[in-house]
Amino acid sequence: MRRTLAVVSGGLRVPSSTRLLADRLAEAAGAALARRHAEVETHVVELRDHAHDVVNHLSTGYPSESLKAALDTVAAADGVITVTPIFNASYSGMFKSFFDVLGDEALLGRPVLIAATGGTARHSLALDHAMRPMFSYLRAIVVPTGVFAAPEDWGGGDPQGSLHSRISRAADELAEEIVRREPATVADPFALTTSFDQLLNGGRNDG
């Protein structure tokens, strides 16, 4: 069965450790899904490319064509990987704003893996004090293991190190939550929920 992953990367620079972590997580999640006999289609949403459009959407209420495509990608995914840099002990403003315009129902019951990067390991607290509450409010299914990468996590080159272990564990948890569920469906906001006959009868269904 085909499954889709949306990877939301909030990195601000090119290259960025945030995108690097996002790619590592996507690769691990794809492998974990493949072990569960799922075909995987991965789509990356680079928030830096949509920064101006997100701000415009907040002020006008209307997304640009490219931003709408990014929002639709996340809303239609079977699972979502989210990665943000941490500033002042919380997610970036751009990261928060993207999920502000995504919509309250978009992640309802959707498996989400949270991850972050920062300049010091102290910022890892933001996973549970900022990111997890936000996605819980959006009624997503947040997997137990969050992944944080500080500068020292990228050193040493040990493929079986602590960061590698956290990535593997979180990816397995996400894959397990995805395969337990039916493929994601997105309701058409313009679809009729009643027939024209029912509308003429004041919404009644007289059989």
N, C-alpha and C. Protein backbone atom coordinates (compact mmCIF):
# COMPACT_ATOMS: atom_id res chain seq x y z
N MET A 1 0.84 -1.20 0.00
CA MET A 1 0.00 0.00 0.00
C MET A 1 0.88 1.25 0.00
N ARG A 2 0.50 2.24 -0.81
CA ARG A 2 1.29 3.46 -0.90
C ARG A 2 0.97 4.38 0.27
N ARG A 3 2.03 4.93 0.88
CA ARG A 3 1.89 5.90 1.96
C ARG A 3 2.68 7.15 1.62
N THR A 4 2.19 8.29 2.08
CA THR A 4 2.87 9.55 1.80
C THR A 4 3.38 10.17 3.09
N LEU A 5 4.58 10.72 2.99
CA LEU A 5 5.20 11.45 4.09
C LEU A 5 5.37 12.90 3.68
N ALA A 6 4.98 13.81 4.55
CA ALA A 6 5.28 15.22 4.36
C ALA A 6 6.36 15.60 5.37
N VAL A 7 7.41 16.23 4.88
CA VAL A 7 8.53 16.63 5.73
C VAL A 7 8.58 18.16 5.74
N VAL A 8 8.30 18.75 6.89
CA VAL A 8 8.28 20.20 7.02
C VAL A 8 9.58 20.65 7.67
N SER A 9 10.41 21.35 6.89
CA SER A 9 11.71 21.80 7.38
C SER A 9 11.69 23.31 7.55
N GLY A 10 11.98 23.77 8.79
CA GLY A 10 11.95 25.20 9.08
C GLY A 10 13.30 25.87 9.07
N GLY A 11 14.29 25.26 8.43
CA GLY A 11 15.62 25.85 8.40
C GLY A 11 15.64 27.17 7.65
N LEU A 12 16.49 28.09 8.09
CA LEU A 12 16.55 29.42 7.50
C LEU A 12 17.69 29.61 6.52
N ARG A 13 18.69 28.77 6.60
CA ARG A 13 19.88 28.96 5.76
C ARG A 13 20.10 27.75 4.86
N VAL A 14 20.97 27.94 3.87
CA VAL A 14 21.35 26.86 2.97
C VAL A 14 22.87 26.78 2.93
N PRO A 15 23.45 25.65 3.36
CA PRO A 15 22.77 24.49 3.94
C PRO A 15 22.38 24.75 5.39
N SER A 16 21.52 23.91 5.95
CA SER A 16 21.12 24.07 7.34
C SER A 16 21.11 22.72 8.04
N SER A 17 21.43 22.73 9.32
CA SER A 17 21.38 21.50 10.10
C SER A 17 19.93 21.03 10.24
N THR A 18 18.98 21.97 10.18
CA THR A 18 17.57 21.60 10.28
C THR A 18 17.18 20.74 9.08
N ARG A 19 17.56 21.15 7.89
CA ARG A 19 17.24 20.35 6.69
C ARG A 19 18.00 19.03 6.72
N LEU A 20 19.23 19.05 7.21
CA LEU A 20 20.00 17.81 7.31
C LEU A 20 19.29 16.81 8.21
N LEU A 21 18.80 17.28 9.36
CA LEU A 21 18.07 16.40 10.27
C LEU A 21 16.77 15.93 9.63
N ALA A 22 16.08 16.82 8.93
CA ALA A 22 14.84 16.45 8.27
C ALA A 22 15.07 15.33 7.25
N ASP A 23 16.16 15.45 6.49
CA ASP A 23 16.47 14.43 5.49
C ASP A 23 16.81 13.09 6.14
N ARG A 24 17.55 13.15 7.24
CA ARG A 24 17.89 11.90 7.95
C ARG A 24 16.64 11.22 8.49
N LEU A 25 15.74 12.00 9.02
CA LEU A 25 14.49 11.44 9.55
C LEU A 25 13.62 10.87 8.43
N ALA A 26 13.54 11.58 7.32
CA ALA A 26 12.74 11.10 6.20
C ALA A 26 13.29 9.78 5.65
N GLU A 27 14.61 9.70 5.55
CA GLU A 27 15.24 8.47 5.07
C GLU A 27 14.94 7.31 6.01
N ALA A 28 15.06 7.55 7.33
CA ALA A 28 14.82 6.50 8.31
C ALA A 28 13.35 6.09 8.34
N ALA A 29 12.44 7.07 8.22
CA ALA A 29 11.02 6.75 8.22
C ALA A 29 10.63 5.98 6.96
N GLY A 30 11.21 6.36 5.83
CA GLY A 30 10.95 5.63 4.60
C GLY A 30 11.40 4.19 4.70
N ALA A 31 12.57 3.97 5.29
CA ALA A 31 13.08 2.61 5.46
C ALA A 31 12.20 1.81 6.42
N ALA A 32 11.73 2.46 7.49
CA ALA A 32 10.86 1.79 8.46
C ALA A 32 9.53 1.41 7.83
N LEU A 33 9.00 2.26 6.96
CA LEU A 33 7.76 1.93 6.26
C LEU A 33 7.98 0.81 5.25
N ALA A 34 9.12 0.83 4.56
CA ALA A 34 9.42 -0.22 3.60
C ALA A 34 9.52 -1.58 4.29
N ARG A 35 10.07 -1.60 5.50
CA ARG A 35 10.14 -2.86 6.25
C ARG A 35 8.75 -3.37 6.60
N ARG A 36 7.78 -2.47 6.59
CA ARG A 36 6.39 -2.85 6.86
C ARG A 36 5.60 -3.00 5.56
N HIS A 37 6.34 -3.18 4.46
CA HIS A 37 5.77 -3.48 3.14
C HIS A 37 4.90 -2.35 2.60
N ALA A 38 5.28 -1.12 2.88
CA ALA A 38 4.58 0.04 2.35
C ALA A 38 5.45 0.74 1.32
N GLU A 39 4.84 1.14 0.21
CA GLU A 39 5.52 2.01 -0.74
C GLU A 39 5.44 3.43 -0.22
N VAL A 40 6.54 4.16 -0.31
CA VAL A 40 6.62 5.47 0.34
C VAL A 40 6.84 6.57 -0.70
N GLU A 41 6.05 7.61 -0.59
CA GLU A 41 6.22 8.80 -1.41
C GLU A 41 6.47 9.97 -0.46
N THR A 42 7.63 10.60 -0.57
CA THR A 42 8.04 11.66 0.37
C THR A 42 8.03 13.02 -0.31
N HIS A 43 7.44 14.00 0.37
CA HIS A 43 7.39 15.37 -0.15
C HIS A 43 7.98 16.29 0.92
N VAL A 44 8.93 17.12 0.54
CA VAL A 44 9.57 18.05 1.47
C VAL A 44 8.99 19.44 1.26
N VAL A 45 8.58 20.06 2.36
CA VAL A 45 8.13 21.45 2.34
C VAL A 45 9.19 22.28 3.04
N GLU A 46 9.91 23.09 2.28
CA GLU A 46 10.97 23.95 2.83
C GLU A 46 10.33 25.30 3.15
N LEU A 47 10.13 25.57 4.44
CA LEU A 47 9.38 26.76 4.83
C LEU A 47 10.06 28.06 4.40
N ARG A 48 11.37 28.05 4.31
CA ARG A 48 12.09 29.25 3.89
C ARG A 48 11.60 29.75 2.54
N ASP A 49 11.19 28.82 1.67
CA ASP A 49 10.72 29.19 0.34
C ASP A 49 9.34 29.84 0.37
N HIS A 50 8.63 29.70 1.49
CA HIS A 50 7.25 30.20 1.57
C HIS A 50 7.10 31.30 2.63
N ALA A 51 8.21 31.84 3.12
CA ALA A 51 8.15 32.77 4.25
C ALA A 51 7.27 33.98 3.95
N HIS A 52 7.47 34.64 2.82
CA HIS A 52 6.70 35.83 2.50
C HIS A 52 5.23 35.49 2.28
N ASP A 53 4.97 34.35 1.65
CA ASP A 53 3.59 33.95 1.39
C ASP A 53 2.84 33.63 2.68
N VAL A 54 3.54 33.05 3.66
CA VAL A 54 2.90 32.78 4.95
C VAL A 54 2.49 34.08 5.62
N VAL A 55 3.38 35.07 5.62
CA VAL A 55 3.06 36.37 6.23
C VAL A 55 1.88 37.02 5.50
N ASN A 56 1.90 36.97 4.18
CA ASN A 56 0.79 37.54 3.41
C ASN A 56 -0.52 36.83 3.71
N HIS A 57 -0.47 35.52 3.87
CA HIS A 57 -1.67 34.75 4.18
C HIS A 57 -2.23 35.15 5.54
N LEU A 58 -1.34 35.37 6.50
CA LEU A 58 -1.80 35.79 7.83
C LEU A 58 -2.52 37.13 7.78
N SER A 59 -2.08 38.01 6.90
CA SER A 59 -2.67 39.34 6.85
C SER A 59 -3.87 39.43 5.92
N THR A 60 -3.93 38.56 4.90
CA THR A 60 -5.02 38.65 3.92
C THR A 60 -6.04 37.52 4.05
N GLY A 61 -5.59 36.39 4.61
CA GLY A 61 -6.49 35.24 4.72
C GLY A 61 -6.51 34.36 3.48
N TYR A 62 -5.65 34.67 2.50
CA TYR A 62 -5.63 33.89 1.26
C TYR A 62 -4.20 33.42 0.96
N PRO A 63 -4.02 32.13 0.68
CA PRO A 63 -2.68 31.65 0.34
C PRO A 63 -2.35 31.85 -1.12
N SER A 64 -1.07 32.00 -1.41
CA SER A 64 -0.62 32.01 -2.79
C SER A 64 -0.76 30.59 -3.35
N GLU A 65 -0.60 30.47 -4.65
CA GLU A 65 -0.72 29.14 -5.27
C GLU A 65 0.32 28.18 -4.73
N SER A 66 1.57 28.65 -4.58
CA SER A 66 2.63 27.77 -4.10
C SER A 66 2.43 27.41 -2.63
N LEU A 67 1.98 28.36 -1.82
CA LEU A 67 1.73 28.06 -0.42
C LEU A 67 0.56 27.09 -0.27
N LYS A 68 -0.48 27.28 -1.07
CA LYS A 68 -1.62 26.36 -1.01
C LYS A 68 -1.18 24.94 -1.33
N ALA A 69 -0.29 24.81 -2.31
CA ALA A 69 0.22 23.48 -2.66
C ALA A 69 0.97 22.86 -1.49
N ALA A 70 1.76 23.67 -0.78
CA ALA A 70 2.49 23.17 0.38
C ALA A 70 1.53 22.77 1.50
N LEU A 71 0.52 23.59 1.75
CA LEU A 71 -0.46 23.28 2.79
C LEU A 71 -1.23 22.01 2.43
N ASP A 72 -1.60 21.87 1.17
CA ASP A 72 -2.32 20.67 0.73
C ASP A 72 -1.45 19.43 0.86
N THR A 73 -0.16 19.58 0.61
CA THR A 73 0.76 18.45 0.75
C THR A 73 0.77 17.92 2.17
N VAL A 74 0.84 18.83 3.14
CA VAL A 74 0.85 18.42 4.54
C VAL A 74 -0.50 17.83 4.94
N ALA A 75 -1.58 18.47 4.52
CA ALA A 75 -2.92 18.01 4.91
C ALA A 75 -3.24 16.63 4.34
N ALA A 76 -2.65 16.29 3.20
CA ALA A 76 -2.97 15.02 2.54
C ALA A 76 -2.02 13.88 2.91
N ALA A 77 -1.01 14.15 3.72
CA ALA A 77 0.00 13.13 4.02
C ALA A 77 -0.50 12.13 5.06
N ASP A 78 0.00 10.91 4.96
CA ASP A 78 -0.32 9.89 5.96
C ASP A 78 0.45 10.11 7.25
N GLY A 79 1.60 10.75 7.16
CA GLY A 79 2.40 11.07 8.33
C GLY A 79 3.23 12.30 8.06
N VAL A 80 3.56 13.02 9.12
CA VAL A 80 4.26 14.29 8.97
C VAL A 80 5.50 14.31 9.86
N ILE A 81 6.62 14.71 9.29
CA ILE A 81 7.85 14.95 10.04
C ILE A 81 8.06 16.46 10.10
N THR A 82 8.21 17.00 11.29
CA THR A 82 8.36 18.44 11.44
C THR A 82 9.68 18.75 12.15
N VAL A 83 10.45 19.66 11.58
CA VAL A 83 11.76 20.01 12.14
C VAL A 83 11.91 21.53 12.15
N THR A 84 12.26 22.09 13.29
CA THR A 84 12.43 23.53 13.40
C THR A 84 13.73 23.86 14.13
N PRO A 85 14.36 24.96 13.79
CA PRO A 85 15.43 25.47 14.66
C PRO A 85 14.79 26.05 15.92
N ILE A 86 15.52 26.02 17.01
CA ILE A 86 15.01 26.55 18.27
C ILE A 86 15.68 27.89 18.56
N PHE A 87 14.84 28.90 18.80
CA PHE A 87 15.31 30.23 19.18
C PHE A 87 14.63 30.62 20.49
N ASN A 88 15.42 31.07 21.47
CA ASN A 88 14.85 31.50 22.76
C ASN A 88 13.92 30.44 23.35
N ALA A 89 14.38 29.19 23.30
CA ALA A 89 13.70 28.06 23.96
C ALA A 89 12.38 27.69 23.31
N SER A 90 12.15 28.06 22.03
CA SER A 90 10.91 27.68 21.37
C SER A 90 11.14 27.57 19.87
N TYR A 91 10.11 27.10 19.16
CA TYR A 91 10.17 26.98 17.71
C TYR A 91 10.28 28.37 17.08
N SER A 92 10.67 28.41 15.83
CA SER A 92 10.81 29.68 15.14
C SER A 92 9.43 30.26 14.83
N GLY A 93 9.37 31.58 14.65
CA GLY A 93 8.12 32.22 14.32
C GLY A 93 7.57 31.75 12.99
N MET A 94 8.44 31.53 12.01
CA MET A 94 7.99 31.06 10.70
C MET A 94 7.36 29.68 10.79
N PHE A 95 7.97 28.81 11.59
CA PHE A 95 7.44 27.46 11.78
C PHE A 95 6.04 27.53 12.39
N LYS A 96 5.88 28.34 13.45
CA LYS A 96 4.57 28.47 14.10
C LYS A 96 3.55 29.06 13.13
N SER A 97 3.95 30.07 12.38
CA SER A 97 3.02 30.73 11.47
C SER A 97 2.52 29.78 10.39
N PHE A 98 3.38 28.89 9.91
CA PHE A 98 2.94 27.93 8.89
C PHE A 98 1.81 27.06 9.44
N PHE A 99 1.97 26.58 10.65
CA PHE A 99 0.92 25.73 11.21
C PHE A 99 -0.30 26.54 11.66
N ASP A 100 -0.12 27.84 11.87
CA ASP A 100 -1.27 28.70 12.14
C ASP A 100 -2.18 28.79 10.91
N VAL A 101 -1.59 28.84 9.72
CA VAL A 101 -2.41 28.96 8.51
C VAL A 101 -2.80 27.60 7.94
N LEU A 102 -2.26 26.52 8.49
CA LEU A 102 -2.59 25.19 7.98
C LEU A 102 -4.05 24.85 8.25
N GLY A 103 -4.58 25.26 9.38
CA GLY A 103 -5.96 24.94 9.71
C GLY A 103 -6.05 23.98 10.89
N ASP A 104 -7.06 24.18 11.73
CA ASP A 104 -7.18 23.42 12.97
C ASP A 104 -7.47 21.94 12.74
N GLU A 105 -8.09 21.59 11.62
CA GLU A 105 -8.50 20.20 11.39
C GLU A 105 -7.51 19.41 10.54
N ALA A 106 -6.51 20.08 9.98
CA ALA A 106 -5.65 19.43 8.98
C ALA A 106 -4.87 18.25 9.54
N LEU A 107 -4.47 18.32 10.81
CA LEU A 107 -3.64 17.26 11.40
C LEU A 107 -4.43 16.38 12.36
N LEU A 108 -5.74 16.48 12.33
CA LEU A 108 -6.58 15.70 13.24
C LEU A 108 -6.32 14.20 13.06
N GLY A 109 -5.83 13.55 14.12
CA GLY A 109 -5.58 12.12 14.08
C GLY A 109 -4.41 11.70 13.21
N ARG A 110 -3.57 12.66 12.82
CA ARG A 110 -2.46 12.37 11.90
C ARG A 110 -1.18 12.12 12.68
N PRO A 111 -0.44 11.04 12.40
CA PRO A 111 0.84 10.80 13.08
C PRO A 111 1.86 11.88 12.73
N VAL A 112 2.50 12.42 13.76
CA VAL A 112 3.49 13.49 13.58
C VAL A 112 4.74 13.18 14.40
N LEU A 113 5.89 13.34 13.78
CA LEU A 113 7.18 13.21 14.46
C LEU A 113 7.74 14.61 14.63
N ILE A 114 8.11 14.96 15.85
CA ILE A 114 8.65 16.30 16.12
C ILE A 114 10.17 16.21 16.29
N ALA A 115 10.86 17.20 15.73
CA ALA A 115 12.32 17.24 15.83
C ALA A 115 12.77 18.69 15.77
N ALA A 116 13.99 18.93 16.26
CA ALA A 116 14.49 20.30 16.31
C ALA A 116 16.01 20.30 16.34
N THR A 117 16.56 21.47 15.99
CA THR A 117 18.00 21.70 16.08
C THR A 117 18.23 22.97 16.89
N GLY A 118 19.41 23.08 17.49
CA GLY A 118 19.71 24.27 18.28
C GLY A 118 21.18 24.35 18.60
N GLY A 119 21.58 25.51 19.08
CA GLY A 119 23.00 25.75 19.35
C GLY A 119 23.50 25.15 20.64
N THR A 120 22.59 24.70 21.49
CA THR A 120 22.98 24.08 22.76
C THR A 120 21.97 23.01 23.12
N ALA A 121 22.45 21.97 23.80
CA ALA A 121 21.57 20.86 24.17
C ALA A 121 20.46 21.29 25.11
N ARG A 122 20.61 22.44 25.78
CA ARG A 122 19.54 22.92 26.66
C ARG A 122 18.25 23.19 25.90
N HIS A 123 18.38 23.51 24.61
CA HIS A 123 17.19 23.78 23.80
C HIS A 123 16.34 22.54 23.56
N SER A 124 16.86 21.36 23.89
CA SER A 124 16.08 20.14 23.67
C SER A 124 14.78 20.13 24.46
N LEU A 125 14.71 20.91 25.53
CA LEU A 125 13.49 21.00 26.33
C LEU A 125 12.32 21.53 25.51
N ALA A 126 12.62 22.26 24.45
CA ALA A 126 11.56 22.84 23.62
C ALA A 126 10.71 21.77 22.94
N LEU A 127 11.26 20.59 22.74
CA LEU A 127 10.48 19.52 22.14
C LEU A 127 9.21 19.24 22.95
N ASP A 128 9.38 19.12 24.27
CA ASP A 128 8.25 18.76 25.12
C ASP A 128 7.52 19.96 25.70
N HIS A 129 8.18 21.11 25.75
CA HIS A 129 7.55 22.28 26.36
C HIS A 129 6.91 23.22 25.34
N ALA A 130 7.26 23.07 24.06
CA ALA A 130 6.70 23.95 23.03
C ALA A 130 6.08 23.16 21.89
N MET A 131 6.86 22.27 21.25
CA MET A 131 6.36 21.59 20.06
C MET A 131 5.26 20.58 20.37
N ARG A 132 5.48 19.74 21.37
CA ARG A 132 4.49 18.70 21.66
C ARG A 132 3.14 19.29 22.06
N PRO A 133 3.09 20.33 22.91
CA PRO A 133 1.79 20.94 23.22
C PRO A 133 1.09 21.53 21.99
N MET A 134 1.85 22.15 21.09
CA MET A 134 1.23 22.73 19.90
C MET A 134 0.55 21.67 19.05
N PHE A 135 1.25 20.57 18.79
CA PHE A 135 0.67 19.53 17.94
C PHE A 135 -0.41 18.74 18.68
N SER A 136 -0.32 18.65 19.99
CA SER A 136 -1.41 18.05 20.75
C SER A 136 -2.66 18.91 20.65
N TYR A 137 -2.49 20.23 20.68
CA TYR A 137 -3.62 21.13 20.51
C TYR A 137 -4.27 20.94 19.14
N LEU A 138 -3.46 20.68 18.12
CA LEU A 138 -3.98 20.44 16.78
C LEU A 138 -4.53 19.03 16.63
N ARG A 139 -4.52 18.26 17.72
CA ARG A 139 -5.08 16.91 17.80
C ARG A 139 -4.38 15.92 16.87
N ALA A 140 -3.08 16.16 16.66
CA ALA A 140 -2.25 15.19 15.96
C ALA A 140 -1.85 14.08 16.92
N ILE A 141 -1.41 12.96 16.37
CA ILE A 141 -0.86 11.86 17.16
C ILE A 141 0.65 12.02 17.17
N VAL A 142 1.19 12.59 18.22
CA VAL A 142 2.63 12.86 18.28
C VAL A 142 3.35 11.63 18.81
N VAL A 143 4.31 11.12 18.05
CA VAL A 143 5.00 9.90 18.48
C VAL A 143 5.83 10.21 19.73
N PRO A 144 6.05 9.18 20.59
CA PRO A 144 6.70 9.43 21.88
C PRO A 144 8.10 10.02 21.79
N THR A 145 8.89 9.59 20.82
CA THR A 145 10.28 10.03 20.75
C THR A 145 10.42 11.28 19.91
N GLY A 146 10.86 12.37 20.54
CA GLY A 146 11.25 13.57 19.80
C GLY A 146 12.75 13.54 19.57
N VAL A 147 13.21 14.17 18.50
CA VAL A 147 14.63 14.12 18.15
C VAL A 147 15.20 15.54 18.15
N PHE A 148 16.22 15.74 18.96
CA PHE A 148 16.91 17.03 19.00
C PHE A 148 18.37 16.81 18.62
N ALA A 149 18.89 17.72 17.81
CA ALA A 149 20.29 17.63 17.40
C ALA A 149 21.00 18.94 17.73
N ALA A 150 21.99 18.87 18.61
CA ALA A 150 22.86 19.99 18.93
C ALA A 150 24.12 19.88 18.07
N PRO A 151 24.95 20.94 18.01
CA PRO A 151 26.15 20.87 17.16
C PRO A 151 27.03 19.66 17.44
N GLU A 152 27.17 19.28 18.70
CA GLU A 152 28.04 18.16 19.03
C GLU A 152 27.51 16.82 18.53
N ASP A 153 26.20 16.75 18.23
CA ASP A 153 25.63 15.50 17.73
C ASP A 153 26.09 15.18 16.32
N TRP A 154 26.53 16.21 15.59
CA TRP A 154 26.97 15.97 14.22
C TRP A 154 28.46 15.61 14.15
N GLY A 155 29.16 15.71 15.25
CA GLY A 155 30.60 15.41 15.26
C GLY A 155 30.86 13.94 15.49
N GLY A 156 32.09 13.53 15.25
CA GLY A 156 32.52 12.18 15.56
C GLY A 156 32.29 11.17 14.46
N GLY A 157 31.22 11.37 13.67
CA GLY A 157 30.97 10.47 12.55
C GLY A 157 30.57 9.07 12.95
N ASP A 158 30.07 8.86 14.18
CA ASP A 158 29.67 7.52 14.63
C ASP A 158 28.27 7.22 14.11
N PRO A 159 28.11 6.33 13.12
CA PRO A 159 26.80 6.07 12.56
C PRO A 159 25.84 5.38 13.54
N GLN A 160 26.37 4.83 14.61
CA GLN A 160 25.53 4.17 15.60
C GLN A 160 25.45 4.97 16.90
N GLY A 161 25.70 6.26 16.82
CA GLY A 161 25.70 7.10 18.01
C GLY A 161 24.32 7.42 18.51
N SER A 162 24.28 8.31 19.49
CA SER A 162 23.03 8.64 20.16
C SER A 162 22.01 9.25 19.20
N LEU A 163 22.44 10.17 18.33
CA LEU A 163 21.51 10.78 17.39
C LEU A 163 20.94 9.74 16.45
N HIS A 164 21.79 8.86 15.95
CA HIS A 164 21.33 7.80 15.06
C HIS A 164 20.27 6.94 15.75
N SER A 165 20.49 6.62 17.02
CA SER A 165 19.53 5.79 17.76
C SER A 165 18.20 6.49 17.92
N ARG A 166 18.23 7.80 18.23
CA ARG A 166 16.99 8.54 18.40
C ARG A 166 16.23 8.65 17.09
N ILE A 167 16.95 8.87 16.00
CA ILE A 167 16.31 8.95 14.69
C ILE A 167 15.63 7.62 14.35
N SER A 168 16.33 6.53 14.55
CA SER A 168 15.78 5.21 14.23
C SER A 168 14.56 4.89 15.07
N ARG A 169 14.62 5.20 16.36
CA ARG A 169 13.49 4.91 17.25
C ARG A 169 12.27 5.75 16.87
N ALA A 170 12.48 7.03 16.63
CA ALA A 170 11.37 7.91 16.27
C ALA A 170 10.77 7.50 14.93
N ALA A 171 11.61 7.14 13.97
CA ALA A 171 11.13 6.73 12.65
C ALA A 171 10.30 5.46 12.74
N ASP A 172 10.73 4.52 13.56
CA ASP A 172 9.95 3.29 13.75
C ASP A 172 8.59 3.59 14.38
N GLU A 173 8.57 4.49 15.35
CA GLU A 173 7.30 4.85 15.99
C GLU A 173 6.36 5.51 14.99
N LEU A 174 6.89 6.38 14.16
CA LEU A 174 6.05 7.04 13.16
C LEU A 174 5.51 6.03 12.15
N ALA A 175 6.37 5.16 11.67
CA ALA A 175 5.94 4.16 10.69
C ALA A 175 4.85 3.26 11.27
N GLU A 176 5.01 2.88 12.52
CA GLU A 176 4.02 2.01 13.15
C GLU A 176 2.66 2.70 13.26
N GLU A 177 2.68 3.97 13.61
CA GLU A 177 1.41 4.72 13.69
C GLU A 177 0.78 4.88 12.31
N ILE A 178 1.59 5.06 11.28
CA ILE A 178 1.05 5.24 9.93
C ILE A 178 0.38 3.97 9.43
N VAL A 179 1.04 2.82 9.56
CA VAL A 179 0.49 1.58 9.00
C VAL A 179 -0.71 1.09 9.78
N ARG A 180 -0.89 1.56 11.00
CA ARG A 180 -2.06 1.17 11.78
C ARG A 180 -3.33 1.84 11.28
N ARG A 181 -3.19 2.86 10.45
CA ARG A 181 -4.33 3.66 10.02
C ARG A 181 -4.60 3.50 8.52
N GLU A 182 -5.83 3.79 8.15
CA GLU A 182 -6.17 3.83 6.74
C GLU A 182 -5.46 5.03 6.09
N PRO A 183 -5.21 4.96 4.79
CA PRO A 183 -4.60 6.11 4.11
C PRO A 183 -5.39 7.39 4.34
N ALA A 184 -4.67 8.49 4.43
CA ALA A 184 -5.29 9.78 4.73
C ALA A 184 -6.22 10.19 3.60
N THR A 185 -7.32 10.81 3.97
CA THR A 185 -8.24 11.39 3.00
C THR A 185 -8.50 12.84 3.41
N VAL A 186 -8.68 13.68 2.41
CA VAL A 186 -8.95 15.09 2.67
C VAL A 186 -10.35 15.41 2.16
N ALA A 187 -11.18 15.93 3.04
CA ALA A 187 -12.55 16.25 2.65
C ALA A 187 -12.57 17.41 1.67
N ASP A 188 -13.41 17.32 0.67
CA ASP A 188 -13.58 18.41 -0.29
C ASP A 188 -14.51 19.45 0.33
N PRO A 189 -14.01 20.67 0.59
CA PRO A 189 -14.86 21.67 1.24
C PRO A 189 -16.04 22.10 0.38
N PHE A 190 -15.99 21.79 -0.94
CA PHE A 190 -17.07 22.19 -1.85
C PHE A 190 -18.02 21.04 -2.17
N ALA A 191 -17.74 19.87 -1.57
CA ALA A 191 -18.60 18.73 -1.85
C ALA A 191 -19.95 18.91 -1.17
N LEU A 192 -21.02 18.51 -1.87
CA LEU A 192 -22.36 18.60 -1.29
C LEU A 192 -22.56 17.48 -0.28
N THR A 193 -23.05 17.80 0.89
CA THR A 193 -23.35 16.80 1.91
C THR A 193 -24.81 16.39 1.90
N THR A 194 -25.64 17.14 1.17
CA THR A 194 -27.05 16.79 0.99
C THR A 194 -27.39 16.92 -0.49
N SER A 195 -28.40 16.18 -0.91
CA SER A 195 -28.83 16.24 -2.30
C SER A 195 -29.65 17.50 -2.54
N PHE A 196 -29.86 17.80 -3.81
CA PHE A 196 -30.70 18.96 -4.13
C PHE A 196 -32.14 18.75 -3.66
N ASP A 197 -32.61 17.49 -3.71
CA ASP A 197 -33.97 17.21 -3.22
C ASP A 197 -34.08 17.52 -1.74
N GLN A 198 -33.03 17.15 -0.97
CA GLN A 198 -33.05 17.43 0.47
C GLN A 198 -33.00 18.93 0.72
N LEU A 199 -32.22 19.66 -0.10
CA LEU A 199 -32.16 21.09 0.07
C LEU A 199 -33.52 21.73 -0.18
N LEU A 200 -34.24 21.24 -1.19
CA LEU A 200 -35.57 21.77 -1.50
C LEU A 200 -36.57 21.44 -0.41
N ASN A 201 -36.32 20.34 0.30
CA ASN A 201 -37.21 19.93 1.40
C ASN A 201 -36.74 20.45 2.75
N GLY A 202 -35.88 21.47 2.73
CA GLY A 202 -35.42 22.06 3.98
C GLY A 202 -34.42 21.18 4.71
N GLY A 203 -33.69 20.34 3.96
CA GLY A 203 -32.69 19.48 4.57
C GLY A 203 -33.23 18.16 5.06
N ARG A 204 -34.55 17.90 4.90
CA ARG A 204 -35.13 16.64 5.37
C ARG A 204 -34.89 15.54 4.36
N ASN A 205 -34.72 14.35 4.86
CA ASN A 205 -34.63 13.17 4.00
C ASN A 205 -35.88 12.34 4.23
N ASP A 206 -36.84 12.42 3.28
CA ASP A 206 -38.13 11.76 3.46
C ASP A 206 -38.15 10.35 2.92
N GLY A 207 -36.96 9.85 2.55
CA GLY A 207 -36.90 8.47 2.07
C GLY A 207 -37.38 8.36 0.65
